[in-house]
Amino acid sequence: MAVYLGLVVDRFGPAHAGVNYGIVFCGFSAAGLLGPAIAGAFGAAGPGGRAGTALALAVTAAGFPCLALLRRTIRQSGRPL
């Protein structure tokens, strides 16, 4: 949790660090609550948790294009990664 404040200030600046940190933390908290519930529902649906594993793989695969878009946006802004 301590790393997020530095990342938020580095990406968005120190002017509204508290508000920006709160927004990032809300997303982190929602993922912490919803992630296990969704994974549990998918894990219980199939034998051996195959559905849960497939869901995790799909979410991970969807994250790579998002990462590429973020990196391109940061590079276009002229700020260092």
PDB file of N, CA and C in Angstrom:
ATOM      1  N   MET A   1       0.811  -1.187   0.000  1.00  0.00           N
ATOM      2  CA  MET A   1       0.000   0.000   0.000  1.00  0.00           C
ATOM      3  C   MET A   1       0.865   1.266   0.000  1.00  0.00           C
ATOM      4  N   ALA A   2       2.020   1.192   0.583  1.00  0.00           N
ATOM      5  CA  ALA A   2       2.873   2.381   0.638  1.00  0.00           C
ATOM      6  C   ALA A   2       3.436   2.734  -0.731  1.00  0.00           C
ATOM      7  N   VAL A   3       3.550   1.765  -1.612  1.00  0.00           N
ATOM      8  CA  VAL A   3       4.088   2.020  -2.944  1.00  0.00           C
ATOM      9  C   VAL A   3       3.111   2.841  -3.779  1.00  0.00           C
ATOM     10  N   TYR A   4       1.822   2.661  -3.562  1.00  0.00           N
ATOM     11  CA  TYR A   4       0.823   3.346  -4.387  1.00  0.00           C
ATOM     12  C   TYR A   4       0.932   4.863  -4.297  1.00  0.00           C
ATOM     13  N   LEU A   5       1.191   5.400  -3.145  1.00  0.00           N
ATOM     14  CA  LEU A   5       1.269   6.858  -3.014  1.00  0.00           C
ATOM     15  C   LEU A   5       2.385   7.421  -3.881  1.00  0.00           C
ATOM     16  N   GLY A   6       3.544   6.798  -3.867  1.00  0.00           N
ATOM     17  CA  GLY A   6       4.645   7.254  -4.711  1.00  0.00           C
ATOM     18  C   GLY A   6       4.318   7.137  -6.193  1.00  0.00           C
ATOM     19  N   LEU A   7       3.670   6.048  -6.581  1.00  0.00           N
ATOM     20  CA  LEU A   7       3.283   5.876  -7.980  1.00  0.00           C
ATOM     21  C   LEU A   7       2.267   6.927  -8.413  1.00  0.00           C
ATOM     22  N   VAL A   8       1.291   7.192  -7.550  1.00  0.00           N
ATOM     23  CA  VAL A   8       0.259   8.174  -7.877  1.00  0.00           C
ATOM     24  C   VAL A   8       0.863   9.564  -8.003  1.00  0.00           C
ATOM     25  N   VAL A   9       1.710   9.942  -7.076  1.00  0.00           N
ATOM     26  CA  VAL A   9       2.339  11.264  -7.135  1.00  0.00           C
ATOM     27  C   VAL A   9       3.236  11.375  -8.365  1.00  0.00           C
ATOM     28  N   ASP A  10       3.947  10.307  -8.701  1.00  0.00           N
ATOM     29  CA  ASP A  10       4.820  10.332  -9.872  1.00  0.00           C
ATOM     30  C   ASP A  10       4.024  10.477 -11.164  1.00  0.00           C
ATOM     31  N   ARG A  11       2.905   9.799 -11.280  1.00  0.00           N
ATOM     32  CA  ARG A  11       2.102   9.828 -12.511  1.00  0.00           C
ATOM     33  C   ARG A  11       1.228  11.065 -12.622  1.00  0.00           C
ATOM     34  N   PHE A  12       0.614  11.514 -11.527  1.00  0.00           N
ATOM     35  CA  PHE A  12      -0.384  12.573 -11.598  1.00  0.00           C
ATOM     36  C   PHE A  12       0.040  13.883 -10.944  1.00  0.00           C
ATOM     37  N   GLY A  13       1.200  13.901 -10.300  1.00  0.00           N
ATOM     38  CA  GLY A  13       1.690  15.118  -9.663  1.00  0.00           C
ATOM     39  C   GLY A  13       1.216  15.238  -8.222  1.00  0.00           C
ATOM     40  N   PRO A  14       1.861  16.115  -7.452  1.00  0.00           N
ATOM     41  CA  PRO A  14       1.546  16.226  -6.028  1.00  0.00           C
ATOM     42  C   PRO A  14       0.365  17.142  -5.697  1.00  0.00           C
ATOM     43  N   ALA A  15      -0.194  17.829  -6.699  1.00  0.00           N
ATOM     44  CA  ALA A  15      -1.231  18.824  -6.414  1.00  0.00           C
ATOM     45  C   ALA A  15      -2.438  18.223  -5.705  1.00  0.00           C
ATOM     46  N   HIS A  16      -2.946  17.125  -6.183  1.00  0.00           N
ATOM     47  CA  HIS A  16      -4.133  16.492  -5.589  1.00  0.00           C
ATOM     48  C   HIS A  16      -3.824  15.042  -5.239  1.00  0.00           C
ATOM     49  N   ALA A  17      -2.711  14.831  -4.600  1.00  0.00           N
ATOM     50  CA  ALA A  17      -2.234  13.475  -4.315  1.00  0.00           C
ATOM     51  C   ALA A  17      -3.218  12.698  -3.451  1.00  0.00           C
ATOM     52  N   GLY A  18      -3.823  13.335  -2.480  1.00  0.00           N
ATOM     53  CA  GLY A  18      -4.752  12.647  -1.590  1.00  0.00           C
ATOM     54  C   GLY A  18      -5.979  12.126  -2.319  1.00  0.00           C
ATOM     55  N   VAL A  19      -6.551  12.958  -3.174  1.00  0.00           N
ATOM     56  CA  VAL A  19      -7.736  12.551  -3.926  1.00  0.00           C
ATOM     57  C   VAL A  19      -7.383  11.451  -4.924  1.00  0.00           C
ATOM     58  N   ASN A  20      -6.287  11.639  -5.644  1.00  0.00           N
ATOM     59  CA  ASN A  20      -5.877  10.629  -6.614  1.00  0.00           C
ATOM     60  C   ASN A  20      -5.542   9.311  -5.936  1.00  0.00           C
ATOM     61  N   TYR A  21      -4.902   9.371  -4.791  1.00  0.00           N
ATOM     62  CA  TYR A  21      -4.584   8.154  -4.045  1.00  0.00           C
ATOM     63  C   TYR A  21      -5.867   7.466  -3.601  1.00  0.00           C
ATOM     64  N   GLY A  22      -6.840   8.248  -3.183  1.00  0.00           N
ATOM     65  CA  GLY A  22      -8.128   7.680  -2.771  1.00  0.00           C
ATOM     66  C   GLY A  22      -8.814   6.953  -3.910  1.00  0.00           C
ATOM     67  N   ILE A  23      -8.751   7.517  -5.118  1.00  0.00           N
ATOM     68  CA  ILE A  23      -9.370   6.874  -6.280  1.00  0.00           C
ATOM     69  C   ILE A  23      -8.656   5.562  -6.596  1.00  0.00           C
ATOM     70  N   VAL A  24      -7.337   5.580  -6.594  1.00  0.00           N
ATOM     71  CA  VAL A  24      -6.574   4.357  -6.851  1.00  0.00           C
ATOM     72  C   VAL A  24      -6.854   3.319  -5.763  1.00  0.00           C
ATOM     73  N   PHE A  25      -6.944   3.755  -4.531  1.00  0.00           N
ATOM     74  CA  PHE A  25      -7.180   2.832  -3.431  1.00  0.00           C
ATOM     75  C   PHE A  25      -8.576   2.224  -3.512  1.00  0.00           C
ATOM     76  N   CYS A  26      -9.567   2.985  -3.976  1.00  0.00           N
ATOM     77  CA  CYS A  26     -10.912   2.430  -4.144  1.00  0.00           C
ATOM     78  C   CYS A  26     -10.903   1.295  -5.159  1.00  0.00           C
ATOM     79  N   GLY A  27     -10.175   1.469  -6.249  1.00  0.00           N
ATOM     80  CA  GLY A  27     -10.059   0.396  -7.231  1.00  0.00           C
ATOM     81  C   GLY A  27      -9.364  -0.823  -6.656  1.00  0.00           C
ATOM     82  N   PHE A  28      -8.312  -0.605  -5.886  1.00  0.00           N
ATOM     83  CA  PHE A  28      -7.596  -1.701  -5.243  1.00  0.00           C
ATOM     84  C   PHE A  28      -8.512  -2.437  -4.263  1.00  0.00           C
ATOM     85  N   SER A  29      -9.288  -1.691  -3.491  1.00  0.00           N
ATOM     86  CA  SER A  29     -10.196  -2.293  -2.515  1.00  0.00           C
ATOM     87  C   SER A  29     -11.304  -3.087  -3.202  1.00  0.00           C
ATOM     88  N   ALA A  30     -11.859  -2.529  -4.281  1.00  0.00           N
ATOM     89  CA  ALA A  30     -12.904  -3.247  -5.010  1.00  0.00           C
ATOM     90  C   ALA A  30     -12.365  -4.558  -5.573  1.00  0.00           C
ATOM     91  N   ALA A  31     -11.149  -4.527  -6.103  1.00  0.00           N
ATOM     92  CA  ALA A  31     -10.543  -5.755  -6.623  1.00  0.00           C
ATOM     93  C   ALA A  31     -10.305  -6.763  -5.503  1.00  0.00           C
ATOM     94  N   GLY A  32      -9.933  -6.272  -4.329  1.00  0.00           N
ATOM     95  CA  GLY A  32      -9.705  -7.165  -3.197  1.00  0.00           C
ATOM     96  C   GLY A  32     -10.973  -7.824  -2.691  1.00  0.00           C
ATOM     97  N   LEU A  33     -12.102  -7.150  -2.856  1.00  0.00           N
ATOM     98  CA  LEU A  33     -13.372  -7.719  -2.418  1.00  0.00           C
ATOM     99  C   LEU A  33     -14.017  -8.590  -3.498  1.00  0.00           C
ATOM    100  N   LEU A  34     -14.028  -8.094  -4.720  1.00  0.00           N
ATOM    101  CA  LEU A  34     -14.729  -8.798  -5.789  1.00  0.00           C
ATOM    102  C   LEU A  34     -13.910  -9.949  -6.382  1.00  0.00           C
ATOM    103  N   GLY A  35     -12.596  -9.803  -6.428  1.00  0.00           N
ATOM    104  CA  GLY A  35     -11.761 -10.830  -7.041  1.00  0.00           C
ATOM    105  C   GLY A  35     -11.937 -12.213  -6.440  1.00  0.00           C
ATOM    106  N   PRO A  36     -11.790 -12.369  -5.134  1.00  0.00           N
ATOM    107  CA  PRO A  36     -11.965 -13.701  -4.549  1.00  0.00           C
ATOM    108  C   PRO A  36     -13.389 -14.241  -4.701  1.00  0.00           C
ATOM    109  N   ALA A  37     -14.383 -13.366  -4.649  1.00  0.00           N
ATOM    110  CA  ALA A  37     -15.767 -13.826  -4.812  1.00  0.00           C
ATOM    111  C   ALA A  37     -16.000 -14.363  -6.223  1.00  0.00           C
ATOM    112  N   ILE A  38     -15.520 -13.653  -7.217  1.00  0.00           N
ATOM    113  CA  ILE A  38     -15.686 -14.096  -8.604  1.00  0.00           C
ATOM    114  C   ILE A  38     -14.868 -15.360  -8.851  1.00  0.00           C
ATOM    115  N   ALA A  39     -13.635 -15.375  -8.379  1.00  0.00           N
ATOM    116  CA  ALA A  39     -12.791 -16.557  -8.559  1.00  0.00           C
ATOM    117  C   ALA A  39     -13.395 -17.772  -7.858  1.00  0.00           C
ATOM    118  N   GLY A  40     -13.968 -17.573  -6.687  1.00  0.00           N
ATOM    119  CA  GLY A  40     -14.607 -18.673  -5.970  1.00  0.00           C
ATOM    120  C   GLY A  40     -15.812 -19.214  -6.714  1.00  0.00           C
ATOM    121  N   ALA A  41     -16.593 -18.315  -7.314  1.00  0.00           N
ATOM    122  CA  ALA A  41     -17.763 -18.752  -8.069  1.00  0.00           C
ATOM    123  C   ALA A  41     -17.346 -19.547  -9.303  1.00  0.00           C
ATOM    124  N   PHE A  42     -16.316 -19.100  -9.992  1.00  0.00           N
ATOM    125  CA  PHE A  42     -15.853 -19.826 -11.168  1.00  0.00           C
ATOM    126  C   PHE A  42     -15.107 -21.100 -10.783  1.00  0.00           C
ATOM    127  N   GLY A  43     -14.399 -21.073  -9.675  1.00  0.00           N
ATOM    128  CA  GLY A  43     -13.677 -22.262  -9.234  1.00  0.00           C
ATOM    129  C   GLY A  43     -14.609 -23.371  -8.812  1.00  0.00           C
ATOM    130  N   ALA A  44     -15.748 -23.008  -8.223  1.00  0.00           N
ATOM    131  CA  ALA A  44     -16.708 -24.010  -7.780  1.00  0.00           C
ATOM    132  C   ALA A  44     -17.503 -24.581  -8.956  1.00  0.00           C
ATOM    133  N   ALA A  45     -17.499 -23.876 -10.087  1.00  0.00           N
ATOM    134  CA  ALA A  45     -18.309 -24.311 -11.219  1.00  0.00           C
ATOM    135  C   ALA A  45     -17.716 -25.502 -11.956  1.00  0.00           C
ATOM    136  N   GLY A  46     -16.403 -25.661 -11.916  1.00  0.00           N
ATOM    137  CA  GLY A  46     -15.790 -26.740 -12.693  1.00  0.00           C
ATOM    138  C   GLY A  46     -14.941 -27.638 -11.828  1.00  0.00           C
ATOM    139  N   PRO A  47     -14.686 -28.834 -12.321  1.00  0.00           N
ATOM    140  CA  PRO A  47     -13.826 -29.751 -11.552  1.00  0.00           C
ATOM    141  C   PRO A  47     -12.375 -29.283 -11.579  1.00  0.00           C
ATOM    142  N   GLY A  48     -11.764 -29.271 -10.447  1.00  0.00           N
ATOM    143  CA  GLY A  48     -10.352 -28.913 -10.361  1.00  0.00           C
ATOM    144  C   GLY A  48     -10.075 -27.434 -10.548  1.00  0.00           C
ATOM    145  N   GLY A  49     -11.085 -26.616 -10.563  1.00  0.00           N
ATOM    146  CA  GLY A  49     -10.884 -25.176 -10.704  1.00  0.00           C
ATOM    147  C   GLY A  49     -10.468 -24.747 -12.094  1.00  0.00           C
ATOM    148  N   ARG A  50     -10.816 -25.517 -13.113  1.00  0.00           N
ATOM    149  CA  ARG A  50     -10.410 -25.170 -14.480  1.00  0.00           C
ATOM    150  C   ARG A  50     -11.059 -23.878 -14.949  1.00  0.00           C
ATOM    151  N   ALA A  51     -12.310 -23.655 -14.576  1.00  0.00           N
ATOM    152  CA  ALA A  51     -12.989 -22.431 -14.996  1.00  0.00           C
ATOM    153  C   ALA A  51     -12.334 -21.213 -14.349  1.00  0.00           C
ATOM    154  N   GLY A  52     -11.950 -21.337 -13.106  1.00  0.00           N
ATOM    155  CA  GLY A  52     -11.268 -20.230 -12.434  1.00  0.00           C
ATOM    156  C   GLY A  52      -9.919 -19.933 -13.047  1.00  0.00           C
ATOM    157  N   THR A  53      -9.202 -20.977 -13.427  1.00  0.00           N
ATOM    158  CA  THR A  53      -7.906 -20.801 -14.074  1.00  0.00           C
ATOM    159  C   THR A  53      -8.069 -20.152 -15.441  1.00  0.00           C
ATOM    160  N   ALA A  54      -9.085 -20.556 -16.180  1.00  0.00           N
ATOM    161  CA  ALA A  54      -9.351 -19.954 -17.492  1.00  0.00           C
ATOM    162  C   ALA A  54      -9.718 -18.478 -17.339  1.00  0.00           C
ATOM    163  N   LEU A  55     -10.497 -18.157 -16.317  1.00  0.00           N
ATOM    164  CA  LEU A  55     -10.858 -16.767 -16.076  1.00  0.00           C
ATOM    165  C   LEU A  55      -9.623 -15.943 -15.739  1.00  0.00           C
ATOM    166  N   ALA A  56      -8.758 -16.460 -14.894  1.00  0.00           N
ATOM    167  CA  ALA A  56      -7.534 -15.741 -14.539  1.00  0.00           C
ATOM    168  C   ALA A  56      -6.645 -15.540 -15.758  1.00  0.00           C
ATOM    169  N   LEU A  57      -6.564 -16.540 -16.617  1.00  0.00           N
ATOM    170  CA  LEU A  57      -5.780 -16.422 -17.841  1.00  0.00           C
ATOM    171  C   LEU A  57      -6.363 -15.355 -18.767  1.00  0.00           C
ATOM    172  N   ALA A  58      -7.687 -15.318 -18.881  1.00  0.00           N
ATOM    173  CA  ALA A  58      -8.336 -14.326 -19.741  1.00  0.00           C
ATOM    174  C   ALA A  58      -8.122 -12.906 -19.212  1.00  0.00           C
ATOM    175  N   VAL A  59      -8.215 -12.728 -17.916  1.00  0.00           N
ATOM    176  CA  VAL A  59      -8.001 -11.399 -17.336  1.00  0.00           C
ATOM    177  C   VAL A  59      -6.552 -10.964 -17.527  1.00  0.00           C
ATOM    178  N   THR A  60      -5.629 -11.885 -17.350  1.00  0.00           N
ATOM    179  CA  THR A  60      -4.219 -11.575 -17.558  1.00  0.00           C
ATOM    180  C   THR A  60      -3.952 -11.216 -19.014  1.00  0.00           C
ATOM    181  N   ALA A  61      -4.523 -11.982 -19.928  1.00  0.00           N
ATOM    182  CA  ALA A  61      -4.339 -11.703 -21.350  1.00  0.00           C
ATOM    183  C   ALA A  61      -4.942 -10.351 -21.731  1.00  0.00           C
ATOM    184  N   ALA A  62      -6.049  -9.983 -21.123  1.00  0.00           N
ATOM    185  CA  ALA A  62      -6.663  -8.682 -21.399  1.00  0.00           C
ATOM    186  C   ALA A  62      -5.822  -7.545 -20.816  1.00  0.00           C
ATOM    187  N   GLY A  63      -5.031  -7.823 -19.811  1.00  0.00           N
ATOM    188  CA  GLY A  63      -4.201  -6.790 -19.193  1.00  0.00           C
ATOM    189  C   GLY A  63      -3.019  -6.371 -20.040  1.00  0.00           C
ATOM    190  N   PHE A  64      -2.512  -7.258 -20.884  1.00  0.00           N
ATOM    191  CA  PHE A  64      -1.352  -6.920 -21.698  1.00  0.00           C
ATOM    192  C   PHE A  64      -1.625  -5.791 -22.698  1.00  0.00           C
ATOM    193  N   PRO A  65      -2.740  -5.794 -23.427  1.00  0.00           N
ATOM    194  CA  PRO A  65      -3.012  -4.634 -24.293  1.00  0.00           C
ATOM    195  C   PRO A  65      -3.194  -3.336 -23.499  1.00  0.00           C
ATOM    196  N   CYS A  66      -3.766  -3.449 -22.319  1.00  0.00           N
ATOM    197  CA  CYS A  66      -3.906  -2.257 -21.474  1.00  0.00           C
ATOM    198  C   CYS A  66      -2.537  -1.720 -21.069  1.00  0.00           C
ATOM    199  N   LEU A  67      -1.626  -2.608 -20.756  1.00  0.00           N
ATOM    200  CA  LEU A  67      -0.268  -2.214 -20.399  1.00  0.00           C
ATOM    201  C   LEU A  67       0.428  -1.545 -21.578  1.00  0.00           C
ATOM    202  N   ALA A  68       0.274  -2.113 -22.762  1.00  0.00           N
ATOM    203  CA  ALA A  68       0.886  -1.523 -23.953  1.00  0.00           C
ATOM    204  C   ALA A  68       0.326  -0.134 -24.227  1.00  0.00           C
ATOM    205  N   LEU A  69      -0.979   0.035 -24.063  1.00  0.00           N
ATOM    206  CA  LEU A  69      -1.605   1.348 -24.257  1.00  0.00           C
ATOM    207  C   LEU A  69      -1.102   2.351 -23.229  1.00  0.00           C
ATOM    208  N   LEU A  70      -0.972   1.932 -21.994  1.00  0.00           N
ATOM    209  CA  LEU A  70      -0.470   2.809 -20.947  1.00  0.00           C
ATOM    210  C   LEU A  70       0.965   3.233 -21.221  1.00  0.00           C
ATOM    211  N   ARG A  71       1.803   2.283 -21.614  1.00  0.00           N
ATOM    212  CA  ARG A  71       3.205   2.615 -21.911  1.00  0.00           C
ATOM    213  C   ARG A  71       3.303   3.599 -23.067  1.00  0.00           C
ATOM    214  N   ARG A  72       2.491   3.389 -24.111  1.00  0.00           N
ATOM    215  CA  ARG A  72       2.513   4.297 -25.259  1.00  0.00           C
ATOM    216  C   ARG A  72       2.048   5.699 -24.852  1.00  0.00           C
ATOM    217  N   THR A  73       1.025   5.758 -24.029  1.00  0.00           N
ATOM    218  CA  THR A  73       0.520   7.051 -23.564  1.00  0.00           C
ATOM    219  C   THR A  73       1.559   7.778 -22.734  1.00  0.00           C
ATOM    220  N   ILE A  74       2.254   7.068 -21.862  1.00  0.00           N
ATOM    221  CA  ILE A  74       3.294   7.681 -21.025  1.00  0.00           C
ATOM    222  C   ILE A  74       4.452   8.165 -21.886  1.00  0.00           C
ATOM    223  N   ARG A  75       4.850   7.369 -22.855  1.00  0.00           N
ATOM    224  CA  ARG A  75       5.952   7.779 -23.736  1.00  0.00           C
ATOM    225  C   ARG A  75       5.581   9.012 -24.558  1.00  0.00           C
ATOM    226  N   GLN A  76       4.342   9.115 -25.014  1.00  0.00           N
ATOM    227  CA  GLN A  76       3.907  10.268 -25.785  1.00  0.00           C
ATOM    228  C   GLN A  76       3.874  11.532 -24.938  1.00  0.00           C
ATOM    229  N   SER A  77       3.661  11.369 -23.638  1.00  0.00           N
ATOM    230  CA  SER A  77       3.615  12.526 -22.756  1.00  0.00           C
ATOM    231  C   SER A  77       5.009  13.086 -22.481  1.00  0.00           C
ATOM    232  N   GLY A  78       6.052  12.317 -22.796  1.00  0.00           N
ATOM    233  CA  GLY A  78       7.416  12.778 -22.576  1.00  0.00           C
ATOM    234  C   GLY A  78       7.946  12.535 -21.193  1.00  0.00           C
ATOM    235  N   ARG A  79       7.143  11.912 -20.323  1.00  0.00           N
ATOM    236  CA  ARG A  79       7.599  11.612 -18.975  1.00  0.00           C
ATOM    237  C   ARG A  79       8.310  10.268 -18.971  1.00  0.00           C
ATOM    238  N   PRO A  80       9.304  10.102 -18.132  1.00  0.00           N
ATOM    239  CA  PRO A  80      10.004   8.814 -18.087  1.00  0.00           C
ATOM    240  C   PRO A  80       9.124   7.724 -17.506  1.00  0.00           C
ATOM    241  N   LEU A  81       9.394   6.484 -17.919  1.00  0.00           N
ATOM    242  CA  LEU A  81       8.639   5.349 -17.379  1.00  0.00           C
ATOM    243  C   LEU A  81       9.076   5.129 -16.009  1.00  0.00           C
TER     244      LEU A  81
END
